[in-house]
Amino acid sequence: MIISRNGGHTRRFTLGTYEKGQSAAESLAFARYLLYQSLYWHHTVRGLRAMLREVIESVPKNGHKGKTFAQLLANVLGVDGQPVEVTVRDVLRLLGSWAKRGGEGSEELVSMIKE
């Protein structure tokens, strides 16, 4: 692995393998490609992402006690302080409280996500 600077602030990252590690590196790249096709672009995941985006964007910016959804999520995750144990229920609770300040249908979307 080589990290070099080209002049100013530009950095170049080079990763190499030995010849006997080539097949493992190719397998890793192919596995990532398959994951992208079957998991990241799965119709359920795309639908869920659209629903989450709709709920989050339904509330005007700074619509919940002057904070954005990203700031509230960072508080739940413990980004600013000590890391905390977070469950899906905690995130869904935050999403539900956010949706109460949202537009029409936001709470219904959250209940559909929970189901």
PDB file of N, CA and C in Angstrom:
ATOM      1  N   MET A   1       0.856  -1.159   0.000  1.00  0.00           N
ATOM      2  CA  MET A   1       0.000   0.000   0.000  1.00  0.00           C
ATOM      3  C   MET A   1       0.907   1.228   0.000  1.00  0.00           C
ATOM      4  N   ILE A   2       0.594   2.150  -0.887  1.00  0.00           N
ATOM      5  CA  ILE A   2       1.389   3.362  -1.016  1.00  0.00           C
ATOM      6  C   ILE A   2       0.456   4.563  -0.961  1.00  0.00           C
ATOM      7  N   ILE A   3       0.765   5.511  -0.095  1.00  0.00           N
ATOM      8  CA  ILE A   3       0.040   6.770  -0.054  1.00  0.00           C
ATOM      9  C   ILE A   3       1.056   7.865  -0.366  1.00  0.00           C
ATOM     10  N   SER A   4       0.811   8.616  -1.417  1.00  0.00           N
ATOM     11  CA  SER A   4       1.758   9.653  -1.810  1.00  0.00           C
ATOM     12  C   SER A   4       1.020  10.955  -2.073  1.00  0.00           C
ATOM     13  N   ARG A   5       1.761  12.052  -1.985  1.00  0.00           N
ATOM     14  CA  ARG A   5       1.201  13.369  -2.273  1.00  0.00           C
ATOM     15  C   ARG A   5       1.743  13.837  -3.607  1.00  0.00           C
ATOM     16  N   ASN A   6       0.851  14.373  -4.401  1.00  0.00           N
ATOM     17  CA  ASN A   6       1.245  14.921  -5.694  1.00  0.00           C
ATOM     18  C   ASN A   6       1.217  16.438  -5.612  1.00  0.00           C
ATOM     19  N   GLY A   7       2.300  17.040  -5.270  1.00  0.00           N
ATOM     20  CA  GLY A   7       2.351  18.498  -5.215  1.00  0.00           C
ATOM     21  C   GLY A   7       1.664  19.048  -3.985  1.00  0.00           C
ATOM     22  N   GLY A   8       0.455  19.603  -4.177  1.00  0.00           N
ATOM     23  CA  GLY A   8      -0.268  20.288  -3.106  1.00  0.00           C
ATOM     24  C   GLY A   8      -0.980  19.344  -2.170  1.00  0.00           C
ATOM     25  N   HIS A   9      -2.302  19.442  -2.165  1.00  0.00           N
ATOM     26  CA  HIS A   9      -3.117  18.680  -1.224  1.00  0.00           C
ATOM     27  C   HIS A   9      -3.649  17.383  -1.819  1.00  0.00           C
ATOM     28  N   THR A  10      -3.350  17.117  -3.058  1.00  0.00           N
ATOM     29  CA  THR A  10      -3.863  15.919  -3.702  1.00  0.00           C
ATOM     30  C   THR A  10      -3.118  14.691  -3.190  1.00  0.00           C
ATOM     31  N   ARG A  11      -3.871  13.683  -2.826  1.00  0.00           N
ATOM     32  CA  ARG A  11      -3.270  12.436  -2.355  1.00  0.00           C
ATOM     33  C   ARG A  11      -3.622  11.315  -3.315  1.00  0.00           C
ATOM     34  N   ARG A  12      -2.713  10.410  -3.455  1.00  0.00           N
ATOM     35  CA  ARG A  12      -2.927   9.254  -4.326  1.00  0.00           C
ATOM     36  C   ARG A  12      -2.749   7.997  -3.491  1.00  0.00           C
ATOM     37  N   PHE A  13      -3.709   7.126  -3.585  1.00  0.00           N
ATOM     38  CA  PHE A  13      -3.711   5.900  -2.806  1.00  0.00           C
ATOM     39  C   PHE A  13      -3.589   4.731  -3.779  1.00  0.00           C
ATOM     40  N   THR A  14      -2.570   3.931  -3.608  1.00  0.00           N
ATOM     41  CA  THR A  14      -2.344   2.786  -4.480  1.00  0.00           C
ATOM     42  C   THR A  14      -2.346   1.520  -3.632  1.00  0.00           C
ATOM     43  N   LEU A  15      -3.091   0.538  -4.071  1.00  0.00           N
ATOM     44  CA  LEU A  15      -3.171  -0.727  -3.360  1.00  0.00           C
ATOM     45  C   LEU A  15      -2.731  -1.822  -4.312  1.00  0.00           C
ATOM     46  N   GLY A  16      -1.852  -2.662  -3.867  1.00  0.00           N
ATOM     47  CA  GLY A  16      -1.363  -3.732  -4.730  1.00  0.00           C
ATOM     48  C   GLY A  16      -1.379  -5.062  -4.005  1.00  0.00           C
ATOM     49  N   THR A  17      -1.307  -6.123  -4.784  1.00  0.00           N
ATOM     50  CA  THR A  17      -1.248  -7.465  -4.210  1.00  0.00           C
ATOM     51  C   THR A  17      -0.129  -8.233  -4.898  1.00  0.00           C
ATOM     52  N   TYR A  18       0.284  -9.270  -4.247  1.00  0.00           N
ATOM     53  CA  TYR A  18       1.219 -10.181  -4.889  1.00  0.00           C
ATOM     54  C   TYR A  18       0.459 -11.017  -5.905  1.00  0.00           C
ATOM     55  N   GLU A  19       1.191 -11.660  -6.776  1.00  0.00           N
ATOM     56  CA  GLU A  19       0.548 -12.432  -7.839  1.00  0.00           C
ATOM     57  C   GLU A  19      -0.337 -13.543  -7.272  1.00  0.00           C
ATOM     58  N   LYS A  20       0.098 -14.169  -6.205  1.00  0.00           N
ATOM     59  CA  LYS A  20      -0.716 -15.249  -5.643  1.00  0.00           C
ATOM     60  C   LYS A  20      -1.970 -14.727  -4.927  1.00  0.00           C
ATOM     61  N   GLY A  21      -2.035 -13.431  -4.654  1.00  0.00           N
ATOM     62  CA  GLY A  21      -3.224 -12.844  -4.039  1.00  0.00           C
ATOM     63  C   GLY A  21      -4.195 -12.250  -5.048  1.00  0.00           C
ATOM     64  N   GLN A  22      -3.856 -12.360  -6.331  1.00  0.00           N
ATOM     65  CA  GLN A  22      -4.690 -11.756  -7.365  1.00  0.00           C
ATOM     66  C   GLN A  22      -6.082 -12.370  -7.408  1.00  0.00           C
ATOM     67  N   SER A  23      -6.179 -13.679  -7.311  1.00  0.00           N
ATOM     68  CA  SER A  23      -7.499 -14.322  -7.385  1.00  0.00           C
ATOM     69  C   SER A  23      -8.369 -13.933  -6.189  1.00  0.00           C
ATOM     70  N   ALA A  24      -7.772 -13.784  -5.017  1.00  0.00           N
ATOM     71  CA  ALA A  24      -8.535 -13.361  -3.837  1.00  0.00           C
ATOM     72  C   ALA A  24      -9.041 -11.933  -4.009  1.00  0.00           C
ATOM     73  N   ALA A  25      -8.201 -11.056  -4.565  1.00  0.00           N
ATOM     74  CA  ALA A  25      -8.616  -9.670  -4.788  1.00  0.00           C
ATOM     75  C   ALA A  25      -9.728  -9.603  -5.828  1.00  0.00           C
ATOM     76  N   GLU A  26      -9.633 -10.384  -6.882  1.00  0.00           N
ATOM     77  CA  GLU A  26     -10.681 -10.417  -7.900  1.00  0.00           C
ATOM     78  C   GLU A  26     -11.981 -10.964  -7.321  1.00  0.00           C
ATOM     79  N   SER A  27     -11.887 -11.982  -6.484  1.00  0.00           N
ATOM     80  CA  SER A  27     -13.083 -12.548  -5.843  1.00  0.00           C
ATOM     81  C   SER A  27     -13.756 -11.519  -4.941  1.00  0.00           C
ATOM     82  N   LEU A  28     -12.958 -10.745  -4.231  1.00  0.00           N
ATOM     83  CA  LEU A  28     -13.506  -9.700  -3.367  1.00  0.00           C
ATOM     84  C   LEU A  28     -14.239  -8.645  -4.194  1.00  0.00           C
ATOM     85  N   ALA A  29     -13.624  -8.229  -5.289  1.00  0.00           N
ATOM     86  CA  ALA A  29     -14.268  -7.236  -6.152  1.00  0.00           C
ATOM     87  C   ALA A  29     -15.561  -7.784  -6.748  1.00  0.00           C
ATOM     88  N   PHE A  30     -15.557  -9.021  -7.155  1.00  0.00           N
ATOM     89  CA  PHE A  30     -16.755  -9.627  -7.728  1.00  0.00           C
ATOM     90  C   PHE A  30     -17.850  -9.781  -6.681  1.00  0.00           C
ATOM     91  N   ALA A  31     -17.466 -10.132  -5.457  1.00  0.00           N
ATOM     92  CA  ALA A  31     -18.451 -10.265  -4.377  1.00  0.00           C
ATOM     93  C   ALA A  31     -19.108  -8.925  -4.084  1.00  0.00           C
ATOM     94  N   ARG A  32     -18.321  -7.850  -4.105  1.00  0.00           N
ATOM     95  CA  ARG A  32     -18.894  -6.513  -3.898  1.00  0.00           C
ATOM     96  C   ARG A  32     -19.882  -6.165  -5.009  1.00  0.00           C
ATOM     97  N   TYR A  33     -19.545  -6.545  -6.232  1.00  0.00           N
ATOM     98  CA  TYR A  33     -20.434  -6.309  -7.370  1.00  0.00           C
ATOM     99  C   TYR A  33     -21.751  -7.066  -7.184  1.00  0.00           C
ATOM    100  N   LEU A  34     -21.665  -8.323  -6.769  1.00  0.00           N
ATOM    101  CA  LEU A  34     -22.879  -9.116  -6.557  1.00  0.00           C
ATOM    102  C   LEU A  34     -23.717  -8.572  -5.416  1.00  0.00           C
ATOM    103  N   LEU A  35     -23.058  -8.108  -4.342  1.00  0.00           N
ATOM    104  CA  LEU A  35     -23.793  -7.495  -3.232  1.00  0.00           C
ATOM    105  C   LEU A  35     -24.524  -6.250  -3.696  1.00  0.00           C
ATOM    106  N   TYR A  36     -23.881  -5.464  -4.522  1.00  0.00           N
ATOM    107  CA  TYR A  36     -24.513  -4.247  -5.008  1.00  0.00           C
ATOM    108  C   TYR A  36     -25.765  -4.598  -5.786  1.00  0.00           C
ATOM    109  N   GLN A  37     -25.669  -5.607  -6.652  1.00  0.00           N
ATOM    110  CA  GLN A  37     -26.828  -6.003  -7.462  1.00  0.00           C
ATOM    111  C   GLN A  37     -27.954  -6.593  -6.629  1.00  0.00           C
ATOM    112  N   SER A  38     -27.616  -7.525  -5.734  1.00  0.00           N
ATOM    113  CA  SER A  38     -28.666  -8.272  -5.048  1.00  0.00           C
ATOM    114  C   SER A  38     -29.141  -7.646  -3.745  1.00  0.00           C
ATOM    115  N   LEU A  39     -28.319  -6.838  -3.114  1.00  0.00           N
ATOM    116  CA  LEU A  39     -28.705  -6.274  -1.825  1.00  0.00           C
ATOM    117  C   LEU A  39     -29.010  -4.779  -1.923  1.00  0.00           C
ATOM    118  N   TYR A  40     -28.061  -3.999  -2.384  1.00  0.00           N
ATOM    119  CA  TYR A  40     -28.223  -2.552  -2.376  1.00  0.00           C
ATOM    120  C   TYR A  40     -29.304  -2.084  -3.341  1.00  0.00           C
ATOM    121  N   TRP A  41     -29.503  -2.782  -4.465  1.00  0.00           N
ATOM    122  CA  TRP A  41     -30.524  -2.392  -5.433  1.00  0.00           C
ATOM    123  C   TRP A  41     -31.746  -3.289  -5.375  1.00  0.00           C
ATOM    124  N   HIS A  42     -31.928  -4.045  -4.302  1.00  0.00           N
ATOM    125  CA  HIS A  42     -33.114  -4.885  -4.144  1.00  0.00           C
ATOM    126  C   HIS A  42     -34.344  -3.982  -4.066  1.00  0.00           C
ATOM    127  N   HIS A  43     -35.461  -4.437  -4.631  1.00  0.00           N
ATOM    128  CA  HIS A  43     -36.650  -3.585  -4.699  1.00  0.00           C
ATOM    129  C   HIS A  43     -37.158  -3.189  -3.311  1.00  0.00           C
ATOM    130  N   THR A  44     -37.009  -4.040  -2.322  1.00  0.00           N
ATOM    131  CA  THR A  44     -37.452  -3.703  -0.969  1.00  0.00           C
ATOM    132  C   THR A  44     -36.587  -2.583  -0.386  1.00  0.00           C
ATOM    133  N   VAL A  45     -35.292  -2.659  -0.593  1.00  0.00           N
ATOM    134  CA  VAL A  45     -34.381  -1.637  -0.072  1.00  0.00           C
ATOM    135  C   VAL A  45     -34.652  -0.299  -0.745  1.00  0.00           C
ATOM    136  N   ARG A  46     -34.865  -0.317  -2.056  1.00  0.00           N
ATOM    137  CA  ARG A  46     -35.150   0.940  -2.760  1.00  0.00           C
ATOM    138  C   ARG A  46     -36.462   1.548  -2.287  1.00  0.00           C
ATOM    139  N   GLY A  47     -37.471   0.712  -2.042  1.00  0.00           N
ATOM    140  CA  GLY A  47     -38.747   1.217  -1.537  1.00  0.00           C
ATOM    141  C   GLY A  47     -38.612   1.809  -0.149  1.00  0.00           C
ATOM    142  N   LEU A  48     -37.872   1.125   0.723  1.00  0.00           N
ATOM    143  CA  LEU A  48     -37.659   1.616   2.085  1.00  0.00           C
ATOM    144  C   LEU A  48     -36.904   2.940   2.072  1.00  0.00           C
ATOM    145  N   ARG A  49     -35.880   3.043   1.236  1.00  0.00           N
ATOM    146  CA  ARG A  49     -35.127   4.296   1.150  1.00  0.00           C
ATOM    147  C   ARG A  49     -36.019   5.457   0.699  1.00  0.00           C
ATOM    148  N   ALA A  50     -36.903   5.188  -0.256  1.00  0.00           N
ATOM    149  CA  ALA A  50     -37.813   6.238  -0.732  1.00  0.00           C
ATOM    150  C   ALA A  50     -38.767   6.662   0.378  1.00  0.00           C
ATOM    151  N   MET A  51     -39.265   5.692   1.154  1.00  0.00           N
ATOM    152  CA  MET A  51     -40.167   6.017   2.252  1.00  0.00           C
ATOM    153  C   MET A  51     -39.451   6.835   3.329  1.00  0.00           C
ATOM    154  N   LEU A  52     -38.237   6.424   3.684  1.00  0.00           N
ATOM    155  CA  LEU A  52     -37.467   7.168   4.685  1.00  0.00           C
ATOM    156  C   LEU A  52     -37.179   8.590   4.207  1.00  0.00           C
ATOM    157  N   ARG A  53     -36.802   8.735   2.952  1.00  0.00           N
ATOM    158  CA  ARG A  53     -36.521  10.055   2.406  1.00  0.00           C
ATOM    159  C   ARG A  53     -37.765  10.940   2.476  1.00  0.00           C
ATOM    160  N   GLU A  54     -38.928  10.362   2.172  1.00  0.00           N
ATOM    161  CA  GLU A  54     -40.178  11.132   2.185  1.00  0.00           C
ATOM    162  C   GLU A  54     -40.512  11.598   3.600  1.00  0.00           C
ATOM    163  N   VAL A  55     -40.328  10.723   4.588  1.00  0.00           N
ATOM    164  CA  VAL A  55     -40.615  11.094   5.981  1.00  0.00           C
ATOM    165  C   VAL A  55     -39.650  12.184   6.447  1.00  0.00           C
ATOM    166  N   ILE A  56     -38.374  12.013   6.169  1.00  0.00           N
ATOM    167  CA  ILE A  56     -37.374  12.978   6.646  1.00  0.00           C
ATOM    168  C   ILE A  56     -37.560  14.328   5.978  1.00  0.00           C
ATOM    169  N   GLU A  57     -37.885  14.339   4.691  1.00  0.00           N
ATOM    170  CA  GLU A  57     -38.044  15.602   3.975  1.00  0.00           C
ATOM    171  C   GLU A  57     -39.407  16.249   4.213  1.00  0.00           C
ATOM    172  N   SER A  58     -40.326  15.564   4.889  1.00  0.00           N
ATOM    173  CA  SER A  58     -41.656  16.125   5.121  1.00  0.00           C
ATOM    174  C   SER A  58     -41.649  17.244   6.162  1.00  0.00           C
ATOM    175  N   VAL A  59     -40.625  17.257   6.997  1.00  0.00           N
ATOM    176  CA  VAL A  59     -40.513  18.291   8.025  1.00  0.00           C
ATOM    177  C   VAL A  59     -39.580  19.379   7.500  1.00  0.00           C
ATOM    178  N   PRO A  60     -39.980  20.637   7.636  1.00  0.00           N
ATOM    179  CA  PRO A  60     -39.086  21.714   7.196  1.00  0.00           C
ATOM    180  C   PRO A  60     -37.757  21.652   7.939  1.00  0.00           C
ATOM    181  N   LYS A  61     -36.706  22.139   7.325  1.00  0.00           N
ATOM    182  CA  LYS A  61     -35.397  22.146   7.982  1.00  0.00           C
ATOM    183  C   LYS A  61     -35.510  22.871   9.316  1.00  0.00           C
ATOM    184  N   ASN A  62     -34.810  22.347  10.290  1.00  0.00           N
ATOM    185  CA  ASN A  62     -34.858  22.879  11.665  1.00  0.00           C
ATOM    186  C   ASN A  62     -36.281  22.848  12.206  1.00  0.00           C
ATOM    187  N   GLY A  63     -37.025  21.815  11.834  1.00  0.00           N
ATOM    188  CA  GLY A  63     -38.413  21.740  12.228  1.00  0.00           C
ATOM    189  C   GLY A  63     -38.668  21.053  13.546  1.00  0.00           C
ATOM    190  N   HIS A  64     -37.679  20.489  14.186  1.00  0.00           N
ATOM    191  CA  HIS A  64     -37.873  19.788  15.446  1.00  0.00           C
ATOM    192  C   HIS A  64     -36.931  20.388  16.479  1.00  0.00           C
ATOM    193  N   LYS A  65     -37.453  21.322  17.256  1.00  0.00           N
ATOM    194  CA  LYS A  65     -36.682  22.008  18.299  1.00  0.00           C
ATOM    195  C   LYS A  65     -35.430  22.659  17.711  1.00  0.00           C
ATOM    196  N   GLY A  66     -35.538  23.154  16.479  1.00  0.00           N
ATOM    197  CA  GLY A  66     -34.417  23.852  15.855  1.00  0.00           C
ATOM    198  C   GLY A  66     -33.299  22.954  15.378  1.00  0.00           C
ATOM    199  N   LYS A  67     -33.532  21.651  15.332  1.00  0.00           N
ATOM    200  CA  LYS A  67     -32.484  20.722  14.918  1.00  0.00           C
ATOM    201  C   LYS A  67     -32.906  19.969  13.663  1.00  0.00           C
ATOM    202  N   THR A  68     -31.923  19.599  12.885  1.00  0.00           N
ATOM    203  CA  THR A  68     -32.189  18.790  11.700  1.00  0.00           C
ATOM    204  C   THR A  68     -32.281  17.327  12.108  1.00  0.00           C
ATOM    205  N   PHE A  69     -32.774  16.488  11.199  1.00  0.00           N
ATOM    206  CA  PHE A  69     -32.865  15.065  11.482  1.00  0.00           C
ATOM    207  C   PHE A  69     -31.473  14.470  11.696  1.00  0.00           C
ATOM    208  N   ALA A  70     -30.501  14.945  10.935  1.00  0.00           N
ATOM    209  CA  ALA A  70     -29.136  14.441  11.072  1.00  0.00           C
ATOM    210  C   ALA A  70     -28.581  14.738  12.464  1.00  0.00           C
ATOM    211  N   GLN A  71     -28.871  15.909  12.998  1.00  0.00           N
ATOM    212  CA  GLN A  71     -28.399  16.256  14.344  1.00  0.00           C
ATOM    213  C   GLN A  71     -29.076  15.388  15.404  1.00  0.00           C
ATOM    214  N   LEU A  72     -30.376  15.170  15.241  1.00  0.00           N
ATOM    215  CA  LEU A  72     -31.092  14.325  16.204  1.00  0.00           C
ATOM    216  C   LEU A  72     -30.597  12.883  16.136  1.00  0.00           C
ATOM    217  N   LEU A  73     -30.338  12.394  14.935  1.00  0.00           N
ATOM    218  CA  LEU A  73     -29.822  11.034  14.776  1.00  0.00           C
ATOM    219  C   LEU A  73     -28.433  10.915  15.386  1.00  0.00           C
ATOM    220  N   ALA A  74     -27.616  11.946  15.227  1.00  0.00           N
ATOM    221  CA  ALA A  74     -26.283  11.933  15.832  1.00  0.00           C
ATOM    222  C   ALA A  74     -26.386  11.862  17.355  1.00  0.00           C
ATOM    223  N   ASN A  75     -27.373  12.543  17.934  1.00  0.00           N
ATOM    224  CA  ASN A  75     -27.583  12.469  19.394  1.00  0.00           C
ATOM    225  C   ASN A  75     -27.973  11.063  19.816  1.00  0.00           C
ATOM    226  N   VAL A  76     -28.864  10.424  19.040  1.00  0.00           N
ATOM    227  CA  VAL A  76     -29.302   9.067  19.369  1.00  0.00           C
ATOM    228  C   VAL A  76     -28.126   8.095  19.279  1.00  0.00           C
ATOM    229  N   LEU A  77     -27.281   8.272  18.274  1.00  0.00           N
ATOM    230  CA  LEU A  77     -26.159   7.362  18.066  1.00  0.00           C
ATOM    231  C   LEU A  77     -24.987   7.637  19.003  1.00  0.00           C
ATOM    232  N   GLY A  78     -25.014   8.781  19.689  1.00  0.00           N
ATOM    233  CA  GLY A  78     -23.922   9.113  20.596  1.00  0.00           C
ATOM    234  C   GLY A  78     -22.677   9.566  19.860  1.00  0.00           C
ATOM    235  N   VAL A  79     -22.847  10.228  18.722  1.00  0.00           N
ATOM    236  CA  VAL A  79     -21.705  10.657  17.922  1.00  0.00           C
ATOM    237  C   VAL A  79     -20.886  11.711  18.655  1.00  0.00           C
ATOM    238  N   ASP A  80     -21.541  12.648  19.308  1.00  0.00           N
ATOM    239  CA  ASP A  80     -20.840  13.758  19.954  1.00  0.00           C
ATOM    240  C   ASP A  80     -20.231  13.377  21.303  1.00  0.00           C
ATOM    241  N   GLY A  81     -20.790  12.401  21.964  1.00  0.00           N
ATOM    242  CA  GLY A  81     -20.294  12.016  23.278  1.00  0.00           C
ATOM    243  C   GLY A  81     -19.814  10.578  23.273  1.00  0.00           C
ATOM    244  N   GLN A  82     -20.120   9.901  24.346  1.00  0.00           N
ATOM    245  CA  GLN A  82     -19.759   8.506  24.461  1.00  0.00           C
ATOM    246  C   GLN A  82     -20.652   7.655  23.562  1.00  0.00           C
ATOM    247  N   PRO A  83     -20.089   6.668  22.871  1.00  0.00           N
ATOM    248  CA  PRO A  83     -20.922   5.778  22.053  1.00  0.00           C
ATOM    249  C   PRO A  83     -21.936   5.047  22.931  1.00  0.00           C
ATOM    250  N   VAL A  84     -23.125   4.857  22.408  1.00  0.00           N
ATOM    251  CA  VAL A  84     -24.185   4.187  23.143  1.00  0.00           C
ATOM    252  C   VAL A  84     -24.699   3.011  22.328  1.00  0.00           C
ATOM    253  N   GLU A  85     -25.348   2.099  23.009  1.00  0.00           N
ATOM    254  CA  GLU A  85     -25.961   0.969  22.326  1.00  0.00           C
ATOM    255  C   GLU A  85     -27.294   1.430  21.748  1.00  0.00           C
ATOM    256  N   VAL A  86     -27.466   1.248  20.465  1.00  0.00           N
ATOM    257  CA  VAL A  86     -28.657   1.713  19.771  1.00  0.00           C
ATOM    258  C   VAL A  86     -29.339   0.526  19.116  1.00  0.00           C
ATOM    259  N   THR A  87     -30.653   0.475  19.261  1.00  0.00           N
ATOM    260  CA  THR A  87     -31.428  -0.579  18.618  1.00  0.00           C
ATOM    261  C   THR A  87     -32.255   0.016  17.481  1.00  0.00           C
ATOM    262  N   VAL A  88     -32.817  -0.847  16.692  1.00  0.00           N
ATOM    263  CA  VAL A  88     -33.697  -0.408  15.613  1.00  0.00           C
ATOM    264  C   VAL A  88     -34.890   0.326  16.202  1.00  0.00           C
ATOM    265  N   ARG A  89     -35.354  -0.133  17.348  1.00  0.00           N
ATOM    266  CA  ARG A  89     -36.494   0.506  18.018  1.00  0.00           C
ATOM    267  C   ARG A  89     -36.182   1.960  18.365  1.00  0.00           C
ATOM    268  N   ASP A  90     -34.943   2.246  18.788  1.00  0.00           N
ATOM    269  CA  ASP A  90     -34.558   3.625  19.102  1.00  0.00           C
ATOM    270  C   ASP A  90     -34.632   4.512  17.863  1.00  0.00           C
ATOM    271  N   VAL A  91     -34.137   4.017  16.743  1.00  0.00           N
ATOM    272  CA  VAL A  91     -34.157   4.790  15.502  1.00  0.00           C
ATOM    273  C   VAL A  91     -35.593   4.972  15.019  1.00  0.00           C
ATOM    274  N   LEU A  92     -36.410   3.936  15.134  1.00  0.00           N
ATOM    275  CA  LEU A  92     -37.807   4.051  14.720  1.00  0.00           C
ATOM    276  C   LEU A  92     -38.572   5.025  15.614  1.00  0.00           C
ATOM    277  N   ARG A  93     -38.233   5.063  16.894  1.00  0.00           N
ATOM    278  CA  ARG A  93     -38.863   6.017  17.812  1.00  0.00           C
ATOM    279  C   ARG A  93     -38.517   7.451  17.390  1.00  0.00           C
ATOM    280  N   LEU A  94     -37.258   7.685  17.039  1.00  0.00           N
ATOM    281  CA  LEU A  94     -36.844   9.002  16.560  1.00  0.00           C
ATOM    282  C   LEU A  94     -37.577   9.345  15.265  1.00  0.00           C
ATOM    283  N   LEU A  95     -37.672   8.385  14.369  1.00  0.00           N
ATOM    284  CA  LEU A  95     -38.357   8.614  13.100  1.00  0.00           C
ATOM    285  C   LEU A  95     -39.831   8.928  13.330  1.00  0.00           C
ATOM    286  N   GLY A  96     -40.455   8.237  14.281  1.00  0.00           N
ATOM    287  CA  GLY A  96     -41.859   8.491  14.603  1.00  0.00           C
ATOM    288  C   GLY A  96     -42.077   9.884  15.178  1.00  0.00           C
ATOM    289  N   SER A  97     -41.178  10.314  16.073  1.00  0.00           N
ATOM    290  CA  SER A  97     -41.325  11.665  16.638  1.00  0.00           C
ATOM    291  C   SER A  97     -41.069  12.729  15.574  1.00  0.00           C
ATOM    292  N   TRP A  98     -40.188  12.437  14.629  1.00  0.00           N
ATOM    293  CA  TRP A  98     -39.933  13.365  13.530  1.00  0.00           C
ATOM    294  C   TRP A  98     -41.160  13.452  12.625  1.00  0.00           C
ATOM    295  N   ALA A  99     -41.799  12.323  12.372  1.00  0.00           N
ATOM    296  CA  ALA A  99     -42.946  12.279  11.460  1.00  0.00           C
ATOM    297  C   ALA A  99     -44.150  13.026  12.019  1.00  0.00           C
ATOM    298  N   LYS A 100     -44.267  13.125  13.354  1.00  0.00           N
ATOM    299  CA  LYS A 100     -45.395  13.846  13.945  1.00  0.00           C
ATOM    300  C   LYS A 100     -45.396  15.316  13.552  1.00  0.00           C
ATOM    301  N   ARG A 101     -44.236  15.845  13.227  1.00  0.00           N
ATOM    302  CA  ARG A 101     -44.131  17.241  12.807  1.00  0.00           C
ATOM    303  C   ARG A 101     -44.138  17.369  11.294  1.00  0.00           C
ATOM    304  N   GLY A 102     -44.283  16.253  10.623  1.00  0.00           N
ATOM    305  CA  GLY A 102     -44.218  16.240   9.162  1.00  0.00           C
ATOM    306  C   GLY A 102     -45.547  16.487   8.503  1.00  0.00           C
ATOM    307  N   GLY A 103     -45.514  16.348   7.211  1.00  0.00           N
ATOM    308  CA  GLY A 103     -46.710  16.586   6.422  1.00  0.00           C
ATOM    309  C   GLY A 103     -47.673  15.419   6.469  1.00  0.00           C
ATOM    310  N   GLU A 104     -48.666  15.517   5.650  1.00  0.00           N
ATOM    311  CA  GLU A 104     -49.719  14.514   5.599  1.00  0.00           C
ATOM    312  C   GLU A 104     -49.150  13.172   5.152  1.00  0.00           C
ATOM    313  N   GLY A 105     -49.472  12.140   5.891  1.00  0.00           N
ATOM    314  CA  GLY A 105     -49.047  10.796   5.523  1.00  0.00           C
ATOM    315  C   GLY A 105     -47.721  10.355   6.095  1.00  0.00           C
ATOM    316  N   SER A 106     -47.000  11.229   6.783  1.00  0.00           N
ATOM    317  CA  SER A 106     -45.688  10.870   7.322  1.00  0.00           C
ATOM    318  C   SER A 106     -45.796   9.784   8.393  1.00  0.00           C
ATOM    319  N   GLU A 107     -46.757   9.948   9.285  1.00  0.00           N
ATOM    320  CA  GLU A 107     -46.917   8.952  10.348  1.00  0.00           C
ATOM    321  C   GLU A 107     -47.357   7.607   9.777  1.00  0.00           C
ATOM    322  N   GLU A 108     -48.157   7.661   8.733  1.00  0.00           N
ATOM    323  CA  GLU A 108     -48.583   6.415   8.081  1.00  0.00           C
ATOM    324  C   GLU A 108     -47.394   5.708   7.441  1.00  0.00           C
ATOM    325  N   LEU A 109     -46.493   6.469   6.839  1.00  0.00           N
ATOM    326  CA  LEU A 109     -45.288   5.870   6.257  1.00  0.00           C
ATOM    327  C   LEU A 109     -44.426   5.209   7.328  1.00  0.00           C
ATOM    328  N   VAL A 110     -44.299   5.869   8.480  1.00  0.00           N
ATOM    329  CA  VAL A 110     -43.499   5.298   9.566  1.00  0.00           C
ATOM    330  C   VAL A 110     -44.135   3.996  10.059  1.00  0.00           C
ATOM    331  N   SER A 111     -45.459   3.954  10.170  1.00  0.00           N
ATOM    332  CA  SER A 111     -46.098   2.709  10.607  1.00  0.00           C
ATOM    333  C   SER A 111     -45.917   1.619   9.560  1.00  0.00           C
ATOM    334  N   MET A 112     -45.893   1.972   8.281  1.00  0.00           N
ATOM    335  CA  MET A 112     -45.626   0.982   7.241  1.00  0.00           C
ATOM    336  C   MET A 112     -44.182   0.482   7.317  1.00  0.00           C
ATOM    337  N   ILE A 113     -43.264   1.369   7.643  1.00  0.00           N
ATOM    338  CA  ILE A 113     -41.856   0.956   7.805  1.00  0.00           C
ATOM    339  C   ILE A 113     -41.726   0.009   8.981  1.00  0.00           C
ATOM    340  N   LYS A 114     -42.423   0.295  10.081  1.00  0.00           N
ATOM    341  CA  LYS A 114     -42.358  -0.568  11.255  1.00  0.00           C
ATOM    342  C   LYS A 114     -42.904  -1.960  10.967  1.00  0.00           C
ATOM    343  N   GLU A 115     -43.933  -2.010  10.142  1.00  0.00           N
ATOM    344  CA  GLU A 115     -44.520  -3.308   9.812  1.00  0.00           C
ATOM    345  C   GLU A 115     -43.589  -4.082   8.918  1.00  0.00           C
TER     346      GLU A 115
END
